N, C-alpha and C. Protein backbone atom coordinates (compact mmCIF):
# COMPACT_ATOMS: atom_id res chain seq x y z
N MET A 1 128.13 127.33 107.63
CA MET A 1 126.91 126.33 107.54
C MET A 1 126.95 125.50 108.78
N THR A 2 126.06 124.96 109.53
CA THR A 2 125.86 124.45 110.38
C THR A 2 125.97 122.89 110.36
N GLU A 3 126.49 122.23 111.69
CA GLU A 3 126.70 120.86 111.32
C GLU A 3 125.36 119.99 110.90
N ALA A 4 124.22 120.49 111.69
CA ALA A 4 122.89 119.80 111.25
C ALA A 4 122.61 119.81 109.65
N SER A 5 122.72 121.14 109.07
CA SER A 5 122.53 121.36 107.53
C SER A 5 123.54 120.45 106.83
N ALA A 6 124.67 120.16 107.33
CA ALA A 6 125.86 119.49 106.42
C ALA A 6 125.35 118.05 106.30
N THR A 7 124.65 117.71 107.22
CA THR A 7 124.47 116.16 107.30
C THR A 7 122.96 115.99 106.35
N LEU A 8 122.24 117.10 105.85
CA LEU A 8 120.91 116.97 105.19
C LEU A 8 121.26 116.30 103.73
N PRO A 9 120.25 115.46 103.37
CA PRO A 9 120.52 114.87 102.08
C PRO A 9 120.22 115.89 100.84
N ALA A 10 120.84 115.75 99.67
CA ALA A 10 120.85 116.54 98.59
C ALA A 10 119.30 116.62 98.19
N GLY A 11 119.13 117.50 97.38
CA GLY A 11 117.56 117.70 96.69
C GLY A 11 116.67 118.72 97.76
N VAL A 12 115.47 118.39 97.50
CA VAL A 12 114.43 119.13 98.23
C VAL A 12 113.41 118.17 98.76
N VAL A 13 112.82 118.60 99.95
CA VAL A 13 111.79 117.89 100.54
C VAL A 13 110.62 118.03 99.88
N VAL A 14 109.98 116.62 99.40
CA VAL A 14 108.86 116.48 98.60
C VAL A 14 107.49 116.23 99.24
N CYS A 15 107.95 115.59 100.50
CA CYS A 15 106.72 115.17 101.31
C CYS A 15 107.24 114.41 102.53
N HIS A 16 106.29 113.79 103.25
CA HIS A 16 106.94 113.13 104.36
C HIS A 16 106.67 111.68 104.19
N VAL A 17 107.23 110.80 104.89
CA VAL A 17 107.26 109.28 104.63
C VAL A 17 105.83 108.96 104.77
N GLY A 18 105.11 109.30 105.76
CA GLY A 18 103.87 108.84 106.02
C GLY A 18 102.91 109.41 104.86
N ASP A 19 103.24 110.30 104.08
CA ASP A 19 102.11 110.74 102.91
C ASP A 19 101.93 109.63 101.77
N VAL A 20 102.62 108.69 101.56
CA VAL A 20 102.48 107.61 100.84
C VAL A 20 102.41 106.34 101.58
N SER A 21 101.20 105.70 101.02
CA SER A 21 100.89 104.35 101.43
C SER A 21 101.30 103.39 100.78
N VAL A 22 101.28 102.40 101.24
CA VAL A 22 101.76 100.96 100.41
C VAL A 22 101.24 100.85 99.22
N LYS A 23 101.75 100.51 97.99
CA LYS A 23 100.96 100.24 96.77
C LYS A 23 100.39 101.42 96.16
N SER A 24 101.04 102.50 96.45
CA SER A 24 100.30 104.14 96.14
C SER A 24 101.44 104.86 95.50
N SER A 25 101.14 106.30 95.14
CA SER A 25 102.08 107.12 94.56
C SER A 25 101.41 108.52 94.78
N LEU A 26 102.29 109.59 94.78
CA LEU A 26 102.01 110.65 95.13
C LEU A 26 102.82 111.71 94.14
N LEU A 27 102.05 112.57 93.25
CA LEU A 27 102.61 113.35 92.34
C LEU A 27 102.98 114.55 92.90
N VAL A 28 104.22 115.13 92.73
CA VAL A 28 104.88 116.11 93.22
C VAL A 28 105.49 117.08 92.09
N GLU A 29 105.65 118.23 92.15
CA GLU A 29 106.53 119.08 91.32
C GLU A 29 107.58 119.56 91.99
N ILE A 30 108.55 119.43 91.18
CA ILE A 30 109.97 119.95 91.42
C ILE A 30 110.27 120.98 90.53
N GLY A 31 110.18 122.19 90.78
CA GLY A 31 110.17 123.18 89.92
C GLY A 31 109.17 122.99 88.72
N GLU A 32 109.44 122.65 87.51
CA GLU A 32 108.27 122.44 86.80
C GLU A 32 108.26 121.15 86.29
N LEU A 33 109.00 120.20 86.83
CA LEU A 33 109.23 118.70 86.58
C LEU A 33 108.12 117.92 87.44
N PRO A 34 107.33 117.13 86.89
CA PRO A 34 106.61 116.37 87.49
C PRO A 34 107.17 114.90 88.12
N VAL A 35 107.26 114.70 89.20
CA VAL A 35 107.73 113.48 89.77
C VAL A 35 106.78 112.55 90.42
N ALA A 36 106.95 111.12 90.29
CA ALA A 36 105.90 110.54 91.24
C ALA A 36 106.81 109.79 92.37
N ILE A 37 106.38 110.14 93.43
CA ILE A 37 107.15 109.53 94.63
C ILE A 37 106.01 108.20 94.76
N VAL A 38 106.64 107.18 94.75
CA VAL A 38 105.93 105.83 94.86
C VAL A 38 106.44 104.91 95.96
N ARG A 39 105.27 104.25 96.46
CA ARG A 39 105.75 103.36 97.54
C ARG A 39 105.47 101.96 97.00
N ASP A 40 106.43 101.15 96.66
CA ASP A 40 106.31 99.76 96.37
C ASP A 40 105.32 98.74 97.25
N SER A 41 105.12 97.50 96.57
CA SER A 41 104.42 96.49 97.49
C SER A 41 105.35 96.20 98.91
N TYR A 42 106.59 96.35 99.01
CA TYR A 42 107.43 96.05 99.99
C TYR A 42 107.73 97.03 100.59
N GLY A 43 107.14 98.28 100.51
CA GLY A 43 107.11 99.38 101.59
C GLY A 43 108.39 100.51 101.05
N GLU A 44 108.97 100.04 99.95
CA GLU A 44 110.37 100.96 99.40
C GLU A 44 109.72 102.27 98.72
N LEU A 45 110.50 103.22 99.03
CA LEU A 45 109.98 104.31 98.47
C LEU A 45 110.86 104.73 97.08
N HIS A 46 110.27 105.21 95.94
CA HIS A 46 110.95 105.71 94.84
C HIS A 46 110.56 106.84 94.13
N ALA A 47 111.59 107.53 93.48
CA ALA A 47 111.15 108.73 92.96
C ALA A 47 111.21 108.85 91.26
N ILE A 48 110.31 108.46 90.39
CA ILE A 48 110.48 108.43 89.18
C ILE A 48 109.74 109.67 88.37
N GLY A 49 110.52 109.84 86.90
CA GLY A 49 109.39 110.78 86.15
C GLY A 49 108.02 110.38 86.33
N ASP A 50 106.94 111.54 86.33
CA ASP A 50 105.94 111.10 86.38
C ASP A 50 105.04 110.98 85.04
N THR A 51 105.78 111.29 83.82
CA THR A 51 105.02 111.08 82.61
C THR A 51 105.42 109.93 81.79
N CYS A 52 104.52 109.08 81.46
CA CYS A 52 104.81 107.73 80.75
C CYS A 52 105.57 108.12 79.46
N SER A 53 106.55 107.37 79.19
CA SER A 53 107.37 107.58 77.95
C SER A 53 106.56 107.22 76.78
N HIS A 54 105.40 106.65 76.74
CA HIS A 54 104.67 106.37 75.53
C HIS A 54 103.69 107.61 74.98
N ALA A 55 103.24 108.12 76.11
CA ALA A 55 102.19 109.19 76.06
C ALA A 55 102.31 110.21 77.11
N GLU A 56 101.71 111.45 77.01
CA GLU A 56 101.76 112.13 78.04
C GLU A 56 100.74 112.06 79.20
N ILE A 57 100.80 111.02 79.71
CA ILE A 57 100.04 110.52 80.94
C ILE A 57 100.62 110.52 82.36
N SER A 58 100.20 110.69 83.33
CA SER A 58 100.77 110.74 84.66
C SER A 58 100.60 109.46 85.17
N LEU A 59 101.81 108.99 85.66
CA LEU A 59 101.92 107.47 85.95
C LEU A 59 101.57 107.58 87.53
N SER A 60 101.48 108.80 88.12
CA SER A 60 101.36 108.49 89.57
C SER A 60 99.63 108.02 89.57
N GLU A 61 98.94 108.21 88.50
CA GLU A 61 97.70 107.71 88.75
C GLU A 61 97.51 106.53 88.33
N GLY A 62 98.57 105.71 88.22
CA GLY A 62 98.44 104.14 88.00
C GLY A 62 98.60 103.29 89.07
N ASP A 63 98.33 101.89 88.74
CA ASP A 63 98.25 101.03 89.77
C ASP A 63 99.91 100.39 90.02
N VAL A 64 100.11 100.19 91.37
CA VAL A 64 101.40 99.92 91.96
C VAL A 64 101.35 98.42 92.25
N GLU A 65 102.33 97.71 91.78
CA GLU A 65 102.27 96.10 92.15
C GLU A 65 103.82 95.69 92.45
N ASP A 66 104.05 95.16 93.41
CA ASP A 66 105.41 94.55 93.49
C ASP A 66 106.29 95.93 93.42
N ALA A 67 107.38 95.76 92.44
CA ALA A 67 108.29 97.08 92.34
C ALA A 67 107.91 97.63 91.10
N THR A 68 106.74 97.96 90.52
CA THR A 68 106.21 98.26 89.27
C THR A 68 105.14 99.52 89.48
N ILE A 69 105.05 100.23 88.38
CA ILE A 69 103.84 100.96 88.20
C ILE A 69 103.32 100.99 86.75
N GLU A 70 102.05 100.78 86.67
CA GLU A 70 101.58 100.73 85.49
C GLU A 70 100.62 101.77 85.05
N CYS A 71 100.96 102.39 83.75
CA CYS A 71 100.18 103.46 83.29
C CYS A 71 98.75 103.04 83.00
N TRP A 72 97.89 104.02 83.50
CA TRP A 72 96.32 103.58 83.74
C TRP A 72 95.75 103.81 82.17
N ALA A 73 96.60 104.46 81.29
CA ALA A 73 95.82 104.75 80.00
C ALA A 73 96.01 103.56 79.02
N HIS A 74 97.39 103.08 78.88
CA HIS A 74 97.55 102.01 77.83
C HIS A 74 98.19 100.88 78.43
N GLY A 75 98.71 100.72 79.82
CA GLY A 75 98.84 99.51 80.30
C GLY A 75 100.54 99.36 80.46
N SER A 76 101.20 100.04 80.05
CA SER A 76 102.64 100.02 80.27
C SER A 76 102.83 100.04 81.45
N SER A 77 104.10 98.88 82.02
CA SER A 77 104.31 98.82 83.34
C SER A 77 106.01 99.36 83.32
N PHE A 78 106.32 99.89 84.48
CA PHE A 78 107.53 100.56 84.40
C PHE A 78 108.28 99.96 85.59
N ASP A 79 109.55 99.32 85.78
CA ASP A 79 110.29 99.04 86.89
C ASP A 79 110.59 100.46 87.70
N LEU A 80 110.32 100.29 88.76
CA LEU A 80 110.58 101.45 89.80
C LEU A 80 112.09 101.67 90.18
N LYS A 81 112.87 100.63 90.06
CA LYS A 81 114.49 100.80 90.32
C LYS A 81 115.00 101.21 89.18
N THR A 82 114.72 100.86 87.96
CA THR A 82 115.46 101.10 86.73
C THR A 82 114.85 102.12 85.75
N GLY A 83 113.38 102.12 85.73
CA GLY A 83 112.55 103.10 84.84
C GLY A 83 112.55 102.40 83.71
N GLU A 84 112.71 101.18 83.48
CA GLU A 84 112.65 100.59 82.32
C GLU A 84 111.23 99.92 82.00
N PRO A 85 110.85 100.06 81.08
CA PRO A 85 109.32 99.66 80.62
C PRO A 85 109.47 98.17 80.33
N LEU A 86 108.30 97.53 80.98
CA LEU A 86 108.07 95.95 81.16
C LEU A 86 107.48 95.65 80.02
N THR A 87 106.51 96.39 79.71
CA THR A 87 105.32 96.07 78.69
C THR A 87 105.03 97.12 77.76
N LEU A 88 104.88 96.66 76.58
CA LEU A 88 104.30 97.58 75.68
C LEU A 88 103.11 98.15 75.95
N PRO A 89 102.92 99.42 75.34
CA PRO A 89 103.28 99.93 74.08
C PRO A 89 104.82 100.76 74.61
N ALA A 90 104.74 101.17 75.55
CA ALA A 90 106.09 102.30 75.96
C ALA A 90 107.47 101.02 75.77
N PHE A 91 108.52 101.87 75.06
CA PHE A 91 109.64 101.14 74.77
C PHE A 91 110.69 102.02 75.42
N GLU A 92 110.64 103.34 75.82
CA GLU A 92 111.78 103.96 76.36
C GLU A 92 111.44 104.10 77.85
N PRO A 93 112.64 104.00 78.67
CA PRO A 93 112.55 104.31 80.01
C PRO A 93 112.17 105.51 80.47
N VAL A 94 111.70 105.56 81.79
CA VAL A 94 111.53 107.14 82.39
C VAL A 94 112.57 107.39 83.49
N PRO A 95 112.89 108.39 83.83
CA PRO A 95 114.05 108.86 84.69
C PRO A 95 113.53 108.18 86.05
N VAL A 96 114.68 107.84 86.63
CA VAL A 96 114.64 107.36 88.23
C VAL A 96 115.35 108.47 88.85
N PHE A 97 114.89 108.95 89.90
CA PHE A 97 115.77 110.08 90.59
C PHE A 97 116.26 109.88 92.00
N ALA A 98 117.39 110.24 92.40
CA ALA A 98 117.79 110.11 93.82
C ALA A 98 116.80 110.45 94.82
N LEU A 99 116.70 109.60 95.81
CA LEU A 99 115.66 109.70 96.92
C LEU A 99 116.17 109.37 98.19
N ALA A 100 116.06 110.38 99.26
CA ALA A 100 116.60 109.81 100.49
C ALA A 100 115.89 110.31 101.54
N ILE A 101 115.77 109.71 102.72
CA ILE A 101 114.83 110.07 103.74
C ILE A 101 115.73 110.57 104.85
N HIS A 102 115.22 111.58 105.66
CA HIS A 102 115.99 112.12 106.66
C HIS A 102 114.86 112.38 107.93
N GLY A 103 114.87 111.85 108.82
CA GLY A 103 113.70 111.60 109.74
C GLY A 103 112.36 111.32 109.17
N ASP A 104 111.81 112.21 109.03
CA ASP A 104 110.17 111.98 108.39
C ASP A 104 110.09 112.50 106.83
N ASP A 105 111.05 113.27 106.68
CA ASP A 105 111.35 113.73 105.38
C ASP A 105 111.94 113.18 104.13
N VAL A 106 110.98 113.43 103.00
CA VAL A 106 111.52 112.54 101.92
C VAL A 106 112.11 113.55 100.98
N TYR A 107 113.54 113.32 100.71
CA TYR A 107 114.07 114.51 99.78
C TYR A 107 114.33 113.85 98.42
N VAL A 108 114.20 114.58 97.34
CA VAL A 108 114.53 113.98 95.99
C VAL A 108 115.36 114.93 95.34
N ASP A 109 116.52 114.60 94.51
CA ASP A 109 117.43 115.32 93.99
C ASP A 109 117.09 114.93 92.56
N VAL A 110 116.63 115.97 91.71
CA VAL A 110 115.97 115.80 90.23
C VAL A 110 117.45 115.93 89.36
N THR A 111 118.50 116.34 90.18
CA THR A 111 119.83 116.53 89.25
C THR A 111 120.71 115.14 89.51
N ASN A 112 120.34 114.29 90.41
CA ASN A 112 120.95 113.08 90.21
C ASN A 112 120.08 111.97 89.63
N ILE A 113 120.10 111.73 88.42
CA ILE A 113 119.41 110.70 87.53
C ILE A 113 120.03 109.20 87.60
N LEU A 114 119.54 108.44 88.37
CA LEU A 114 120.15 107.25 88.58
C LEU A 114 120.30 106.48 87.47
N ASN A 115 119.33 106.44 86.33
CA ASN A 115 119.36 105.50 85.36
C ASN A 115 119.79 106.19 83.92
N GLY A 116 120.11 107.48 84.23
CA GLY A 116 120.69 108.44 83.08
C GLY A 116 119.85 108.67 81.99
N VAL A 117 118.54 108.63 82.37
CA VAL A 117 117.44 109.12 81.30
C VAL A 117 117.27 110.61 81.46
N ILE A 118 117.55 111.28 80.43
CA ILE A 118 117.35 113.15 80.46
C ILE A 118 115.82 113.18 80.30
N THR A 119 115.57 114.26 81.25
CA THR A 119 114.06 114.62 81.15
C THR A 119 114.09 115.77 80.36
N GLN A 120 112.75 116.18 79.74
CA GLN A 120 112.44 117.16 78.91
C GLN A 120 112.33 118.34 79.56
């Protein structure tokens, strides 16, 4: 193993930092797992499970406000840091994955679930 590879973050490269604008999100697939890469209103990047816990709806298609994302279909909002639903009808959290930036690359490690929510 070279010295450079030893310092790379865990996970896989899913996009570049510039691929996700403030208050927007990007759907990526890691294996067969859909993950939303979200840049909140403050410019911070997050990686969460892309499927709303209320219904089989893609969260990456929803609106981003402050540090939340809202499901476009039924209006449930989720905290991007904890995955917790903030509004009904969702009452179960979505997984939050470890995200790291190395240079311009965004790495996500779906084996490191920060909030303990098991993915399907």
